[in-house]
Amino acid sequence: LPSWLWFNDTTRSLSGVPFTEDEGTSLLTIKAHCKQKFDPTNSYTSECRDSSHSFQLEVVRYLWSKMLSYDPVVESLPESA
């Protein structure tokens, strides 16, 4: 994984915040390994198969000034009677 990206075992999700110098494309491969489970017959069985998936993650520069140049939408709710 790139240094700015990490995997959370509890939530099973990728998280991270790249910086400008991290701009570019990375090829990531996520691998899932099955844990063997002991059954009463005194042998080990696998409930699933190991698998992997590869994908490209592209970090692009975003011009925040464009986003901040618009007037905010302000709405108010009527007060209850």
C-alpha atoms as a PDB file:
ATOM      1  CA  LEU A   1       0.000   0.000   0.000  1.00  0.00           C
ATOM      2  CA  PRO A   2       1.128   3.587  -0.489  1.00  0.00           C
ATOM      3  CA  SER A   3       2.473   5.120   2.730  1.00  0.00           C
ATOM      4  CA  TRP A   4      -0.611   7.370   3.134  1.00  0.00           C
ATOM      5  CA  LEU A   5      -3.101   4.493   2.823  1.00  0.00           C
ATOM      6  CA  TRP A   6      -3.883   1.877   5.470  1.00  0.00           C
ATOM      7  CA  PHE A   7      -6.245  -1.043   5.979  1.00  0.00           C
ATOM      8  CA  ASN A   8      -8.474  -1.263   9.060  1.00  0.00           C
ATOM      9  CA  ASP A   9      -8.939  -4.913  10.083  1.00  0.00           C
ATOM     10  CA  THR A  10     -12.016  -4.134  12.179  1.00  0.00           C
ATOM     11  CA  THR A  11     -14.000  -2.225   9.545  1.00  0.00           C
ATOM     12  CA  ARG A  12     -12.320  -4.012   6.624  1.00  0.00           C
ATOM     13  CA  SER A  13     -11.846  -0.733   4.803  1.00  0.00           C
ATOM     14  CA  LEU A  14      -9.065   1.315   3.259  1.00  0.00           C
ATOM     15  CA  SER A  15      -8.522   4.843   4.584  1.00  0.00           C
ATOM     16  CA  GLY A  16      -6.086   7.633   4.030  1.00  0.00           C
ATOM     17  CA  VAL A  17      -5.468  11.189   2.938  1.00  0.00           C
ATOM     18  CA  PRO A  18      -2.954  11.696   0.144  1.00  0.00           C
ATOM     19  CA  PHE A  19      -0.866  14.833  -0.242  1.00  0.00           C
ATOM     20  CA  THR A  20      -0.038  16.679  -3.456  1.00  0.00           C
ATOM     21  CA  GLU A  21       3.207  14.733  -3.801  1.00  0.00           C
ATOM     22  CA  ASP A  22       1.182  11.475  -3.779  1.00  0.00           C
ATOM     23  CA  GLU A  23      -0.498  12.392  -7.078  1.00  0.00           C
ATOM     24  CA  GLY A  24      -0.397   9.524  -9.566  1.00  0.00           C
ATOM     25  CA  THR A  25      -1.667   6.003 -10.094  1.00  0.00           C
ATOM     26  CA  SER A  26      -0.997   2.972  -7.884  1.00  0.00           C
ATOM     27  CA  LEU A  27      -1.847  -0.640  -8.641  1.00  0.00           C
ATOM     28  CA  LEU A  28      -3.324  -2.226  -5.514  1.00  0.00           C
ATOM     29  CA  THR A  29      -4.014  -5.889  -4.881  1.00  0.00           C
ATOM     30  CA  ILE A  30      -6.318  -6.861  -2.039  1.00  0.00           C
ATOM     31  CA  LYS A  31      -5.936 -10.454  -0.861  1.00  0.00           C
ATOM     32  CA  ALA A  32      -8.319 -12.370   1.388  1.00  0.00           C
ATOM     33  CA  HIS A  33      -7.055 -15.504   3.096  1.00  0.00           C
ATOM     34  CA  CYS A  34      -9.414 -18.003   4.668  1.00  0.00           C
ATOM     35  CA  LYS A  35      -8.898 -19.190   8.202  1.00  0.00           C
ATOM     36  CA  GLN A  36      -9.153 -22.897   8.727  1.00  0.00           C
ATOM     37  CA  LYS A  37     -11.801 -24.060  11.166  1.00  0.00           C
ATOM     38  CA  PHE A  38     -11.476 -27.130  13.350  1.00  0.00           C
ATOM     39  CA  ASP A  39     -14.394 -29.536  13.099  1.00  0.00           C
ATOM     40  CA  PRO A  40     -15.444 -32.300  15.538  1.00  0.00           C
ATOM     41  CA  THR A  41     -14.036 -35.056  13.320  1.00  0.00           C
ATOM     42  CA  ASN A  42     -10.579 -33.905  14.374  1.00  0.00           C
ATOM     43  CA  SER A  43      -9.685 -32.404  11.027  1.00  0.00           C
ATOM     44  CA  TYR A  44      -9.387 -28.917   9.608  1.00  0.00           C
ATOM     45  CA  THR A  45     -11.698 -27.603   6.935  1.00  0.00           C
ATOM     46  CA  SER A  46     -11.782 -24.407   4.948  1.00  0.00           C
ATOM     47  CA  GLU A  47     -15.107 -22.577   4.705  1.00  0.00           C
ATOM     48  CA  CYS A  48     -14.064 -20.387   1.795  1.00  0.00           C
ATOM     49  CA  ARG A  49     -11.392 -19.901  -0.840  1.00  0.00           C
ATOM     50  CA  ASP A  50      -8.512 -17.476  -0.826  1.00  0.00           C
ATOM     51  CA  SER A  51      -9.087 -14.716  -3.338  1.00  0.00           C
ATOM     52  CA  SER A  52      -7.565 -11.492  -4.583  1.00  0.00           C
ATOM     53  CA  HIS A  53      -8.627  -8.467  -6.575  1.00  0.00           C
ATOM     54  CA  SER A  54      -6.398  -5.882  -8.252  1.00  0.00           C
ATOM     55  CA  PHE A  55      -7.384  -2.339  -9.156  1.00  0.00           C
ATOM     56  CA  GLN A  56      -5.818   1.014  -9.929  1.00  0.00           C
ATOM     57  CA  LEU A  57      -6.182   3.885  -7.495  1.00  0.00           C
ATOM     58  CA  GLU A  58      -5.610   7.313  -9.006  1.00  0.00           C
ATOM     59  CA  VAL A  59      -4.826  10.348  -6.872  1.00  0.00           C
ATOM     60  CA  VAL A  60      -5.617  13.560  -8.742  1.00  0.00           C
ATOM     61  CA  ARG A  61      -5.179  17.158  -7.722  1.00  0.00           C
ATOM     62  CA  TYR A  62      -8.441  18.939  -6.941  1.00  0.00           C
ATOM     63  CA  LEU A  63      -8.746  22.693  -7.212  1.00  0.00           C
ATOM     64  CA  TRP A  64     -10.454  23.589  -3.942  1.00  0.00           C
ATOM     65  CA  SER A  65     -10.667  27.236  -5.010  1.00  0.00           C
ATOM     66  CA  LYS A  66     -13.264  26.240  -7.626  1.00  0.00           C
ATOM     67  CA  MET A  67     -15.380  24.563  -4.991  1.00  0.00           C
ATOM     68  CA  LEU A  68     -15.134  27.462  -2.556  1.00  0.00           C
ATOM     69  CA  SER A  69     -15.999  30.138  -5.123  1.00  0.00           C
ATOM     70  CA  TYR A  70     -19.717  29.348  -5.081  1.00  0.00           C
ATOM     71  CA  ASP A  71     -22.223  30.948  -2.730  1.00  0.00           C
ATOM     72  CA  PRO A  72     -23.427  28.540  -0.060  1.00  0.00           C
ATOM     73  CA  VAL A  73     -27.061  27.486  -0.023  1.00  0.00           C
ATOM     74  CA  VAL A  74     -28.680  28.486   3.242  1.00  0.00           C
ATOM     75  CA  GLU A  75     -32.061  27.100   4.212  1.00  0.00           C
ATOM     76  CA  SER A  76     -33.941  27.530   7.430  1.00  0.00           C
ATOM     77  CA  LEU A  77     -36.776  25.496   8.833  1.00  0.00           C
ATOM     78  CA  PRO A  78     -39.880  27.271  10.135  1.00  0.00           C
ATOM     79  CA  GLU A  79     -40.188  27.369  13.891  1.00  0.00           C
ATOM     80  CA  SER A  80     -42.831  25.123  15.440  1.00  0.00           C
ATOM     81  CA  ALA A  81     -45.957  26.847  16.712  1.00  0.00           C
END
